[in-house]
Amino acid sequence: GPSARSALRSLEEDGLIIRQRGIGTRVKVSVARMRMNLDRVVGFWNLIEDAGHEPSIAYTHLRRTPADDEVAMRLGIASGTEMLVIDRLFLADGEPAITVSEMVDASRLNQPVTSPEDVPLAIFDFFPTYLGERIEHTIVEIRPEICDEETSDLLQLDVGSPLLQLVESHYGAGEEPLMISEIRVVDRFVRFNIVRRRRDL
């Protein structure tokens, strides 16, 4: 029908499929090998699964800590504001793959988060329950980083190894982000790709 044709046209314009008259439609080989597009908002469990590995969570830790200057600036709050921080280590095939620290202004929570069991598998499911909003979009900043001793212990990498750190700002309907995520990724398990679409001016 018209909606299917429209969806196929959109995928073709994004460079994800090839449509040839008389031959049919196929996924581009280069795209099929990709691990994840950064324009997708997806939880880390699904991200690891989509990359062909068995996901699990080694731990979920909760802590309260004052916001430092950078986090405060990103969230539009005062430095020193009490934050709830959710630290998690995701495994791929039983090996450390992704560390995540999710940071939210504790005063914005509409009910207490007292136990790791309170934290849903996908952090995007956290927002409707504890913040009364859903995530509308996420902005990702990519930072190169050198593995320090703490990260080396967590991710079982050599000190000095290159790492990618992602800093994600999650937005609801308003102008200020609701949560900041600091993420470190082992690239042999998960690699990110960006499909850049050409738009004629």
N, C-alpha and C. Protein backbone atom coordinates (compact mmCIF):
# COMPACT_ATOMS: atom_id res chain seq x y z
N GLY A 1 0.81 -1.20 0.00
CA GLY A 1 0.00 0.00 0.00
C GLY A 1 0.85 1.25 0.00
N PRO A 2 0.24 2.43 0.04
CA PRO A 2 0.98 3.70 0.00
C PRO A 2 1.95 3.85 1.17
N SER A 3 1.55 3.39 2.38
CA SER A 3 2.44 3.57 3.54
C SER A 3 3.69 2.72 3.40
N ALA A 4 3.56 1.51 2.87
CA ALA A 4 4.72 0.63 2.66
C ALA A 4 5.67 1.24 1.63
N ARG A 5 5.08 1.78 0.53
CA ARG A 5 5.92 2.42 -0.49
C ARG A 5 6.66 3.62 0.08
N SER A 6 5.97 4.40 0.91
CA SER A 6 6.58 5.56 1.54
C SER A 6 7.73 5.16 2.46
N ALA A 7 7.53 4.08 3.23
CA ALA A 7 8.57 3.60 4.14
C ALA A 7 9.79 3.12 3.35
N LEU A 8 9.55 2.39 2.26
CA LEU A 8 10.66 1.91 1.44
C LEU A 8 11.41 3.07 0.80
N ARG A 9 10.67 4.08 0.34
CA ARG A 9 11.31 5.25 -0.26
C ARG A 9 12.21 5.96 0.77
N SER A 10 11.71 6.07 2.01
CA SER A 10 12.49 6.72 3.07
C SER A 10 13.76 5.94 3.37
N LEU A 11 13.67 4.60 3.44
CA LEU A 11 14.85 3.77 3.69
C LEU A 11 15.86 3.89 2.54
N GLU A 12 15.34 3.98 1.32
CA GLU A 12 16.23 4.14 0.17
C GLU A 12 16.92 5.50 0.21
N GLU A 13 16.18 6.54 0.56
CA GLU A 13 16.77 7.88 0.65
C GLU A 13 17.83 7.95 1.74
N ASP A 14 17.65 7.17 2.81
CA ASP A 14 18.64 7.13 3.89
C ASP A 14 19.83 6.25 3.55
N GLY A 15 19.82 5.63 2.37
CA GLY A 15 20.95 4.81 1.96
C GLY A 15 21.01 3.45 2.63
N LEU A 16 19.89 2.99 3.17
CA LEU A 16 19.89 1.73 3.91
C LEU A 16 19.50 0.53 3.05
N ILE A 17 18.75 0.79 1.96
CA ILE A 17 18.37 -0.30 1.07
C ILE A 17 18.62 0.12 -0.37
N ILE A 18 18.66 -0.88 -1.25
CA ILE A 18 18.79 -0.64 -2.69
C ILE A 18 17.55 -1.23 -3.34
N ARG A 19 16.89 -0.43 -4.15
CA ARG A 19 15.71 -0.90 -4.89
C ARG A 19 16.03 -0.84 -6.38
N GLN A 20 15.91 -2.00 -7.04
CA GLN A 20 16.19 -2.06 -8.47
C GLN A 20 15.01 -2.69 -9.18
N ARG A 21 14.54 -1.99 -10.22
CA ARG A 21 13.39 -2.50 -10.98
C ARG A 21 13.73 -3.85 -11.60
N GLY A 22 12.85 -4.81 -11.43
CA GLY A 22 13.05 -6.13 -12.00
C GLY A 22 13.89 -7.05 -11.12
N ILE A 23 14.56 -6.49 -10.12
CA ILE A 23 15.40 -7.30 -9.23
C ILE A 23 14.81 -7.35 -7.83
N GLY A 24 14.29 -6.22 -7.38
CA GLY A 24 13.68 -6.18 -6.06
C GLY A 24 14.43 -5.27 -5.11
N THR A 25 14.19 -5.47 -3.81
CA THR A 25 14.75 -4.62 -2.76
C THR A 25 15.70 -5.44 -1.90
N ARG A 26 16.87 -4.88 -1.58
CA ARG A 26 17.79 -5.59 -0.68
C ARG A 26 18.47 -4.59 0.24
N VAL A 27 18.87 -5.08 1.39
CA VAL A 27 19.61 -4.26 2.35
C VAL A 27 21.03 -4.10 1.85
N LYS A 28 21.58 -2.90 1.93
CA LYS A 28 22.96 -2.69 1.51
C LYS A 28 23.89 -3.51 2.39
N VAL A 29 24.87 -4.17 1.79
CA VAL A 29 25.78 -5.05 2.54
C VAL A 29 26.51 -4.26 3.61
N SER A 30 26.96 -3.06 3.27
CA SER A 30 27.71 -2.25 4.24
C SER A 30 26.86 -1.92 5.45
N VAL A 31 25.56 -1.74 5.24
CA VAL A 31 24.65 -1.43 6.34
C VAL A 31 24.39 -2.67 7.18
N ALA A 32 24.27 -3.84 6.52
CA ALA A 32 24.00 -5.07 7.25
C ALA A 32 25.11 -5.38 8.24
N ARG A 33 26.34 -4.93 7.94
CA ARG A 33 27.47 -5.21 8.83
C ARG A 33 27.58 -4.19 9.95
N MET A 34 26.80 -3.14 9.88
CA MET A 34 26.90 -2.11 10.90
C MET A 34 26.37 -2.61 12.22
N ARG A 35 26.94 -2.10 13.31
CA ARG A 35 26.49 -2.51 14.62
C ARG A 35 25.29 -1.66 15.07
N MET A 36 25.42 -0.35 15.00
CA MET A 36 24.31 0.49 15.45
C MET A 36 24.46 1.89 14.87
N ASN A 37 23.36 2.44 14.41
CA ASN A 37 23.36 3.83 13.99
C ASN A 37 23.15 4.71 15.21
N LEU A 38 23.92 5.80 15.29
CA LEU A 38 23.80 6.69 16.44
C LEU A 38 22.50 7.49 16.42
N ASP A 39 21.75 7.44 15.31
CA ASP A 39 20.49 8.18 15.30
C ASP A 39 19.35 7.33 15.86
N ARG A 40 19.63 6.13 16.34
CA ARG A 40 18.62 5.30 16.98
C ARG A 40 18.71 5.46 18.49
N VAL A 41 17.59 5.63 19.14
CA VAL A 41 17.55 5.65 20.60
C VAL A 41 17.17 4.25 21.05
N VAL A 42 18.14 3.55 21.62
CA VAL A 42 17.93 2.15 21.99
C VAL A 42 18.66 1.88 23.29
N GLY A 43 18.10 1.02 24.13
CA GLY A 43 18.75 0.67 25.38
C GLY A 43 19.98 -0.20 25.15
N PHE A 44 20.87 -0.22 26.14
CA PHE A 44 22.14 -0.92 25.96
C PHE A 44 21.96 -2.42 25.88
N TRP A 45 20.97 -2.96 26.58
CA TRP A 45 20.68 -4.39 26.49
C TRP A 45 20.40 -4.76 25.03
N ASN A 46 19.51 -3.98 24.39
CA ASN A 46 19.16 -4.23 23.00
C ASN A 46 20.33 -3.96 22.07
N LEU A 47 21.13 -2.97 22.40
CA LEU A 47 22.29 -2.62 21.59
C LEU A 47 23.26 -3.79 21.52
N ILE A 48 23.54 -4.40 22.67
CA ILE A 48 24.45 -5.55 22.72
C ILE A 48 23.84 -6.73 21.97
N GLU A 49 22.54 -6.94 22.16
CA GLU A 49 21.84 -8.02 21.49
C GLU A 49 21.86 -7.82 19.98
N ASP A 50 21.60 -6.57 19.54
CA ASP A 50 21.60 -6.26 18.12
C ASP A 50 22.97 -6.47 17.48
N ALA A 51 24.04 -6.35 18.29
CA ALA A 51 25.39 -6.55 17.78
C ALA A 51 25.77 -8.03 17.74
N GLY A 52 24.82 -8.91 18.13
CA GLY A 52 25.05 -10.35 18.01
C GLY A 52 25.63 -11.00 19.24
N HIS A 53 25.54 -10.34 20.40
CA HIS A 53 26.10 -10.89 21.63
C HIS A 53 24.98 -11.13 22.65
N GLU A 54 25.29 -11.94 23.65
CA GLU A 54 24.34 -12.23 24.73
C GLU A 54 24.49 -11.18 25.82
N PRO A 55 23.46 -10.34 26.04
CA PRO A 55 23.59 -9.29 27.05
C PRO A 55 23.27 -9.78 28.46
N SER A 56 23.92 -9.16 29.43
CA SER A 56 23.56 -9.34 30.84
C SER A 56 24.07 -8.12 31.59
N ILE A 57 23.63 -7.97 32.84
CA ILE A 57 24.06 -6.84 33.66
C ILE A 57 24.83 -7.37 34.86
N ALA A 58 26.08 -6.95 35.02
CA ALA A 58 26.91 -7.42 36.12
C ALA A 58 26.45 -6.81 37.43
N TYR A 59 26.09 -5.53 37.40
CA TYR A 59 25.61 -4.88 38.62
C TYR A 59 24.85 -3.62 38.27
N THR A 60 24.00 -3.19 39.19
CA THR A 60 23.35 -1.88 39.18
C THR A 60 23.56 -1.29 40.56
N HIS A 61 24.26 -0.16 40.65
CA HIS A 61 24.52 0.50 41.93
C HIS A 61 23.82 1.86 41.95
N LEU A 62 23.25 2.22 43.08
CA LEU A 62 22.66 3.54 43.27
C LEU A 62 23.52 4.34 44.23
N ARG A 63 23.71 5.63 43.93
CA ARG A 63 24.42 6.50 44.87
C ARG A 63 23.86 7.91 44.76
N ARG A 64 24.06 8.67 45.81
CA ARG A 64 23.69 10.09 45.82
C ARG A 64 24.97 10.89 45.87
N THR A 65 25.05 11.92 45.05
CA THR A 65 26.28 12.71 45.00
C THR A 65 25.93 14.12 44.54
N PRO A 66 26.68 15.14 44.99
CA PRO A 66 26.40 16.50 44.51
C PRO A 66 26.83 16.66 43.05
N ALA A 67 26.06 17.44 42.30
CA ALA A 67 26.38 17.70 40.89
C ALA A 67 27.65 18.52 40.79
N ASP A 68 28.59 18.08 39.93
CA ASP A 68 29.76 18.91 39.67
C ASP A 68 29.38 20.00 38.66
N ASP A 69 30.33 20.87 38.37
CA ASP A 69 30.03 22.04 37.54
C ASP A 69 29.53 21.64 36.15
N GLU A 70 30.16 20.62 35.55
CA GLU A 70 29.79 20.25 34.19
C GLU A 70 28.38 19.65 34.15
N VAL A 71 28.09 18.72 35.07
CA VAL A 71 26.76 18.11 35.11
C VAL A 71 25.70 19.16 35.39
N ALA A 72 26.01 20.07 36.34
CA ALA A 72 25.07 21.14 36.68
C ALA A 72 24.77 22.01 35.45
N MET A 73 25.82 22.35 34.71
CA MET A 73 25.64 23.18 33.51
C MET A 73 24.78 22.44 32.48
N ARG A 74 25.05 21.16 32.28
CA ARG A 74 24.32 20.39 31.29
C ARG A 74 22.84 20.25 31.65
N LEU A 75 22.55 20.12 32.95
CA LEU A 75 21.17 19.93 33.39
C LEU A 75 20.47 21.25 33.72
N GLY A 76 21.22 22.36 33.69
CA GLY A 76 20.61 23.65 34.01
C GLY A 76 20.23 23.77 35.47
N ILE A 77 21.06 23.21 36.36
CA ILE A 77 20.79 23.25 37.80
C ILE A 77 22.01 23.83 38.51
N ALA A 78 21.88 24.08 39.80
CA ALA A 78 22.98 24.65 40.58
C ALA A 78 24.01 23.56 40.90
N SER A 79 25.30 23.94 40.86
CA SER A 79 26.36 23.03 41.31
C SER A 79 26.08 22.61 42.75
N GLY A 80 26.35 21.36 43.05
CA GLY A 80 26.11 20.87 44.40
C GLY A 80 24.72 20.29 44.62
N THR A 81 23.81 20.45 43.64
CA THR A 81 22.48 19.85 43.75
C THR A 81 22.62 18.33 43.92
N GLU A 82 21.81 17.76 44.81
CA GLU A 82 21.91 16.31 45.03
C GLU A 82 21.41 15.55 43.81
N MET A 83 22.26 14.63 43.34
CA MET A 83 21.94 13.82 42.17
C MET A 83 21.73 12.38 42.58
N LEU A 84 20.79 11.71 41.92
CA LEU A 84 20.75 10.26 41.95
C LEU A 84 21.60 9.78 40.78
N VAL A 85 22.56 8.92 41.07
CA VAL A 85 23.40 8.34 40.02
C VAL A 85 23.17 6.83 40.00
N ILE A 86 22.88 6.31 38.81
CA ILE A 86 22.68 4.88 38.60
C ILE A 86 23.88 4.38 37.80
N ASP A 87 24.72 3.57 38.43
CA ASP A 87 25.90 3.00 37.77
C ASP A 87 25.59 1.57 37.37
N ARG A 88 25.83 1.24 36.10
CA ARG A 88 25.60 -0.13 35.65
C ARG A 88 26.75 -0.60 34.77
N LEU A 89 27.00 -1.91 34.85
CA LEU A 89 27.98 -2.54 33.97
C LEU A 89 27.25 -3.61 33.16
N PHE A 90 27.23 -3.40 31.83
CA PHE A 90 26.61 -4.36 30.92
C PHE A 90 27.68 -5.30 30.38
N LEU A 91 27.33 -6.57 30.28
CA LEU A 91 28.23 -7.58 29.76
C LEU A 91 27.75 -8.04 28.39
N ALA A 92 28.70 -8.45 27.55
CA ALA A 92 28.40 -9.08 26.27
C ALA A 92 29.08 -10.44 26.29
N ASP A 93 28.30 -11.49 26.18
CA ASP A 93 28.82 -12.86 26.27
C ASP A 93 29.63 -13.05 27.55
N GLY A 94 29.17 -12.41 28.63
CA GLY A 94 29.81 -12.58 29.93
C GLY A 94 31.02 -11.70 30.17
N GLU A 95 31.40 -10.87 29.19
CA GLU A 95 32.58 -10.01 29.33
C GLU A 95 32.14 -8.54 29.40
N PRO A 96 32.87 -7.72 30.18
CA PRO A 96 32.49 -6.30 30.30
C PRO A 96 32.47 -5.61 28.95
N ALA A 97 31.38 -4.90 28.67
CA ALA A 97 31.22 -4.25 27.37
C ALA A 97 30.92 -2.77 27.48
N ILE A 98 30.06 -2.37 28.42
CA ILE A 98 29.62 -0.97 28.51
C ILE A 98 29.45 -0.61 29.98
N THR A 99 30.06 0.51 30.40
CA THR A 99 29.75 1.08 31.70
C THR A 99 28.88 2.31 31.47
N VAL A 100 27.90 2.48 32.33
CA VAL A 100 26.97 3.60 32.20
C VAL A 100 26.74 4.22 33.57
N SER A 101 26.81 5.55 33.63
CA SER A 101 26.39 6.30 34.81
C SER A 101 25.29 7.25 34.37
N GLU A 102 24.08 7.02 34.88
CA GLU A 102 22.92 7.86 34.56
C GLU A 102 22.74 8.83 35.73
N MET A 103 22.64 10.14 35.43
CA MET A 103 22.58 11.17 36.48
C MET A 103 21.32 12.01 36.34
N VAL A 104 20.56 12.09 37.44
CA VAL A 104 19.32 12.86 37.43
C VAL A 104 19.21 13.65 38.73
N ASP A 105 18.69 14.85 38.63
CA ASP A 105 18.42 15.70 39.81
C ASP A 105 17.45 14.94 40.72
N ALA A 106 17.91 14.60 41.93
CA ALA A 106 17.09 13.78 42.84
C ALA A 106 15.77 14.45 43.18
N SER A 107 15.74 15.78 43.18
CA SER A 107 14.51 16.49 43.55
C SER A 107 13.43 16.36 42.48
N ARG A 108 13.78 15.91 41.27
CA ARG A 108 12.80 15.76 40.19
C ARG A 108 12.06 14.44 40.25
N LEU A 109 12.55 13.51 41.07
CA LEU A 109 11.92 12.19 41.14
C LEU A 109 10.55 12.30 41.81
N ASN A 110 9.54 11.68 41.23
CA ASN A 110 8.21 11.76 41.82
C ASN A 110 7.89 10.57 42.72
N GLN A 111 8.85 9.65 42.84
CA GLN A 111 8.78 8.60 43.84
C GLN A 111 10.20 8.12 44.11
N PRO A 112 10.45 7.56 45.29
CA PRO A 112 11.83 7.20 45.64
C PRO A 112 12.37 6.03 44.83
N VAL A 113 13.66 6.09 44.55
CA VAL A 113 14.38 4.98 43.94
C VAL A 113 15.32 4.47 45.03
N THR A 114 14.99 3.35 45.63
CA THR A 114 15.71 2.91 46.83
C THR A 114 16.50 1.63 46.62
N SER A 115 16.23 0.93 45.51
CA SER A 115 16.85 -0.37 45.31
C SER A 115 17.20 -0.54 43.83
N PRO A 116 18.28 -1.28 43.51
CA PRO A 116 18.58 -1.56 42.09
C PRO A 116 17.42 -2.20 41.35
N GLU A 117 16.56 -2.93 42.09
CA GLU A 117 15.40 -3.56 41.45
C GLU A 117 14.39 -2.53 40.95
N ASP A 118 14.48 -1.31 41.47
CA ASP A 118 13.58 -0.24 41.02
C ASP A 118 13.94 0.26 39.62
N VAL A 119 15.15 -0.04 39.15
CA VAL A 119 15.64 0.50 37.87
C VAL A 119 15.27 -0.47 36.75
N PRO A 120 14.46 -0.03 35.77
CA PRO A 120 14.07 -0.92 34.68
C PRO A 120 15.26 -1.26 33.79
N LEU A 121 15.11 -2.34 33.06
CA LEU A 121 16.19 -2.80 32.18
C LEU A 121 16.63 -1.71 31.21
N ALA A 122 15.67 -1.07 30.55
CA ALA A 122 15.96 0.04 29.64
C ALA A 122 15.72 1.34 30.38
N ILE A 123 16.73 2.21 30.39
CA ILE A 123 16.61 3.46 31.17
C ILE A 123 15.48 4.33 30.63
N PHE A 124 15.10 4.16 29.36
CA PHE A 124 14.01 4.96 28.80
C PHE A 124 12.68 4.64 29.47
N ASP A 125 12.57 3.44 30.07
CA ASP A 125 11.36 3.08 30.81
C ASP A 125 11.35 3.72 32.21
N PHE A 126 12.49 4.29 32.61
CA PHE A 126 12.61 4.94 33.92
C PHE A 126 11.83 6.26 33.96
N PHE A 127 11.85 6.96 32.84
CA PHE A 127 11.34 8.33 32.82
C PHE A 127 9.85 8.45 33.10
N PRO A 128 8.99 7.67 32.43
CA PRO A 128 7.55 7.82 32.73
C PRO A 128 7.22 7.52 34.19
N THR A 129 7.89 6.53 34.76
CA THR A 129 7.58 6.11 36.14
C THR A 129 8.10 7.11 37.17
N TYR A 130 9.36 7.54 37.02
CA TYR A 130 10.00 8.31 38.08
C TYR A 130 10.08 9.81 37.80
N LEU A 131 9.91 10.21 36.53
CA LEU A 131 9.97 11.64 36.20
C LEU A 131 8.67 12.13 35.57
N GLY A 132 7.75 11.22 35.28
CA GLY A 132 6.46 11.61 34.72
C GLY A 132 6.54 12.14 33.30
N GLU A 133 7.62 11.84 32.61
CA GLU A 133 7.80 12.28 31.22
C GLU A 133 8.40 11.15 30.42
N ARG A 134 8.31 11.26 29.11
CA ARG A 134 9.01 10.32 28.25
C ARG A 134 10.12 11.06 27.52
N ILE A 135 11.12 10.32 27.09
CA ILE A 135 12.23 10.91 26.35
C ILE A 135 11.78 11.19 24.92
N GLU A 136 11.93 12.44 24.51
CA GLU A 136 11.56 12.83 23.14
C GLU A 136 12.76 12.74 22.20
N HIS A 137 13.94 13.11 22.70
CA HIS A 137 15.15 12.96 21.89
C HIS A 137 16.38 12.97 22.79
N THR A 138 17.48 12.49 22.24
CA THR A 138 18.75 12.40 22.97
C THR A 138 19.85 13.01 22.10
N ILE A 139 20.68 13.82 22.72
CA ILE A 139 21.85 14.38 22.02
C ILE A 139 23.09 13.67 22.54
N VAL A 140 23.91 13.17 21.63
CA VAL A 140 25.09 12.39 21.99
C VAL A 140 26.35 13.18 21.64
N GLU A 141 27.22 13.36 22.63
CA GLU A 141 28.54 13.94 22.40
C GLU A 141 29.56 12.81 22.50
N ILE A 142 30.44 12.70 21.50
CA ILE A 142 31.43 11.63 21.45
C ILE A 142 32.79 12.22 21.84
N ARG A 143 33.42 11.60 22.84
CA ARG A 143 34.71 12.10 23.33
C ARG A 143 35.75 11.00 23.29
N PRO A 144 36.93 11.27 22.72
CA PRO A 144 38.02 10.30 22.83
C PRO A 144 38.57 10.32 24.25
N GLU A 145 39.03 9.18 24.72
CA GLU A 145 39.49 9.06 26.10
C GLU A 145 40.56 7.99 26.19
N ILE A 146 41.45 8.14 27.16
CA ILE A 146 42.45 7.11 27.45
C ILE A 146 42.00 6.36 28.69
N CYS A 147 42.07 5.04 28.64
CA CYS A 147 41.60 4.21 29.73
C CYS A 147 42.45 4.43 30.99
N ASP A 148 41.81 4.84 32.09
CA ASP A 148 42.53 5.01 33.36
C ASP A 148 42.40 3.72 34.18
N GLU A 149 42.98 3.73 35.39
CA GLU A 149 43.01 2.50 36.19
C GLU A 149 41.60 2.05 36.58
N GLU A 150 40.74 3.00 36.97
CA GLU A 150 39.38 2.62 37.38
C GLU A 150 38.62 1.98 36.23
N THR A 151 38.69 2.60 35.05
CA THR A 151 37.99 2.05 33.88
C THR A 151 38.64 0.73 33.44
N SER A 152 39.95 0.64 33.58
CA SER A 152 40.66 -0.59 33.25
C SER A 152 40.14 -1.77 34.07
N ASP A 153 39.92 -1.53 35.37
CA ASP A 153 39.38 -2.59 36.24
C ASP A 153 37.97 -2.98 35.82
N LEU A 154 37.15 -1.98 35.48
CA LEU A 154 35.75 -2.24 35.14
C LEU A 154 35.61 -2.98 33.81
N LEU A 155 36.35 -2.54 32.81
CA LEU A 155 36.17 -3.05 31.45
C LEU A 155 37.24 -4.05 31.04
N GLN A 156 38.17 -4.36 31.96
CA GLN A 156 39.24 -5.32 31.69
C GLN A 156 40.03 -4.94 30.44
N LEU A 157 40.42 -3.67 30.40
CA LEU A 157 41.26 -3.15 29.32
C LEU A 157 42.59 -2.70 29.91
N ASP A 158 43.61 -2.62 29.06
CA ASP A 158 44.90 -2.13 29.53
C ASP A 158 44.83 -0.64 29.79
N VAL A 159 45.48 -0.19 30.87
CA VAL A 159 45.60 1.25 31.12
C VAL A 159 46.28 1.89 29.91
N GLY A 160 45.74 3.01 29.46
CA GLY A 160 46.30 3.69 28.29
C GLY A 160 45.63 3.31 26.98
N SER A 161 44.75 2.30 27.01
CA SER A 161 44.03 1.93 25.78
C SER A 161 43.09 3.07 25.37
N PRO A 162 42.94 3.29 24.06
CA PRO A 162 41.98 4.32 23.63
C PRO A 162 40.55 3.84 23.87
N LEU A 163 39.69 4.79 24.25
CA LEU A 163 38.29 4.49 24.53
C LEU A 163 37.43 5.56 23.90
N LEU A 164 36.18 5.21 23.64
CA LEU A 164 35.19 6.23 23.30
C LEU A 164 34.28 6.43 24.50
N GLN A 165 34.12 7.68 24.89
CA GLN A 165 33.13 8.02 25.90
C GLN A 165 31.99 8.74 25.19
N LEU A 166 30.76 8.34 25.50
CA LEU A 166 29.59 9.03 25.00
C LEU A 166 28.95 9.77 26.17
N VAL A 167 28.64 11.03 25.96
CA VAL A 167 27.90 11.80 26.96
C VAL A 167 26.54 12.11 26.32
N GLU A 168 25.49 11.52 26.90
CA GLU A 168 24.15 11.67 26.33
C GLU A 168 23.32 12.59 27.20
N SER A 169 22.63 13.52 26.56
CA SER A 169 21.67 14.39 27.24
C SER A 169 20.28 14.00 26.75
N HIS A 170 19.43 13.56 27.69
CA HIS A 170 18.10 13.04 27.35
C HIS A 170 17.05 14.12 27.62
N TYR A 171 16.27 14.46 26.60
CA TYR A 171 15.30 15.55 26.70
C TYR A 171 13.87 15.01 26.67
N GLY A 172 13.03 15.62 27.51
CA GLY A 172 11.59 15.40 27.41
C GLY A 172 11.00 16.43 26.48
N ALA A 173 9.84 16.95 26.83
CA ALA A 173 9.18 17.93 25.99
C ALA A 173 9.78 19.33 26.17
N GLY A 174 10.49 19.56 27.28
CA GLY A 174 11.02 20.88 27.57
C GLY A 174 12.40 21.13 26.99
N GLU A 175 12.97 22.31 27.31
CA GLU A 175 14.26 22.71 26.76
C GLU A 175 15.43 22.13 27.54
N GLU A 176 15.22 21.83 28.83
CA GLU A 176 16.31 21.32 29.66
C GLU A 176 16.31 19.79 29.66
N PRO A 177 17.50 19.19 29.61
CA PRO A 177 17.55 17.73 29.67
C PRO A 177 17.11 17.20 31.03
N LEU A 178 16.56 16.00 31.02
CA LEU A 178 16.07 15.36 32.24
C LEU A 178 17.16 14.52 32.91
N MET A 179 18.08 14.01 32.10
CA MET A 179 19.10 13.11 32.63
C MET A 179 20.34 13.18 31.75
N ILE A 180 21.49 12.99 32.36
CA ILE A 180 22.76 12.89 31.65
C ILE A 180 23.29 11.48 31.82
N SER A 181 23.76 10.88 30.74
CA SER A 181 24.38 9.55 30.80
C SER A 181 25.83 9.66 30.36
N GLU A 182 26.73 9.11 31.15
CA GLU A 182 28.15 8.99 30.77
C GLU A 182 28.41 7.51 30.49
N ILE A 183 28.88 7.22 29.29
CA ILE A 183 28.98 5.84 28.82
C ILE A 183 30.38 5.59 28.28
N ARG A 184 30.93 4.44 28.61
CA ARG A 184 32.20 4.00 28.03
C ARG A 184 31.97 2.65 27.38
N VAL A 185 32.47 2.50 26.16
CA VAL A 185 32.13 1.35 25.34
C VAL A 185 33.38 0.61 24.89
N VAL A 186 33.38 -0.73 25.02
CA VAL A 186 34.44 -1.57 24.45
C VAL A 186 34.08 -1.84 23.00
N ASP A 187 34.90 -1.33 22.08
CA ASP A 187 34.44 -1.33 20.67
C ASP A 187 34.52 -2.68 20.00
N ARG A 188 35.14 -3.67 20.63
CA ARG A 188 35.12 -4.99 19.98
C ARG A 188 33.75 -5.66 20.12
N PHE A 189 32.92 -5.13 21.03
CA PHE A 189 31.56 -5.66 21.18
C PHE A 189 30.54 -4.79 20.46
N VAL A 190 30.70 -3.48 20.55
CA VAL A 190 29.71 -2.56 19.99
C VAL A 190 30.44 -1.46 19.24
N ARG A 191 30.06 -1.26 18.01
CA ARG A 191 30.60 -0.14 17.23
C ARG A 191 29.45 0.72 16.75
N PHE A 192 29.70 2.02 16.73
CA PHE A 192 28.67 2.97 16.33
C PHE A 192 28.96 3.46 14.92
N ASN A 193 27.90 3.70 14.18
CA ASN A 193 28.00 4.21 12.83
C ASN A 193 27.01 5.35 12.67
N ILE A 194 27.34 6.26 11.79
CA ILE A 194 26.42 7.35 11.47
C ILE A 194 26.14 7.30 9.97
N VAL A 195 24.88 7.22 9.63
CA VAL A 195 24.48 7.32 8.23
C VAL A 195 24.18 8.79 7.96
N ARG A 196 24.96 9.41 7.08
CA ARG A 196 24.76 10.82 6.76
C ARG A 196 24.01 10.90 5.44
N ARG A 197 22.88 11.55 5.51
CA ARG A 197 21.99 11.63 4.35
C ARG A 197 22.21 12.93 3.60
N ARG A 198 22.45 12.82 2.31
CA ARG A 198 22.63 14.02 1.49
C ARG A 198 21.28 14.65 1.22
N ARG A 199 21.22 15.94 1.46
CA ARG A 199 19.99 16.68 1.17
C ARG A 199 20.32 17.78 0.15
N ASP A 200 19.63 17.77 -0.95
CA ASP A 200 19.87 18.80 -1.96
C ASP A 200 19.30 20.13 -1.46
N LEU A 201 20.10 21.17 -1.61
CA LEU A 201 19.68 22.49 -1.13
C LEU A 201 18.73 23.12 -2.13
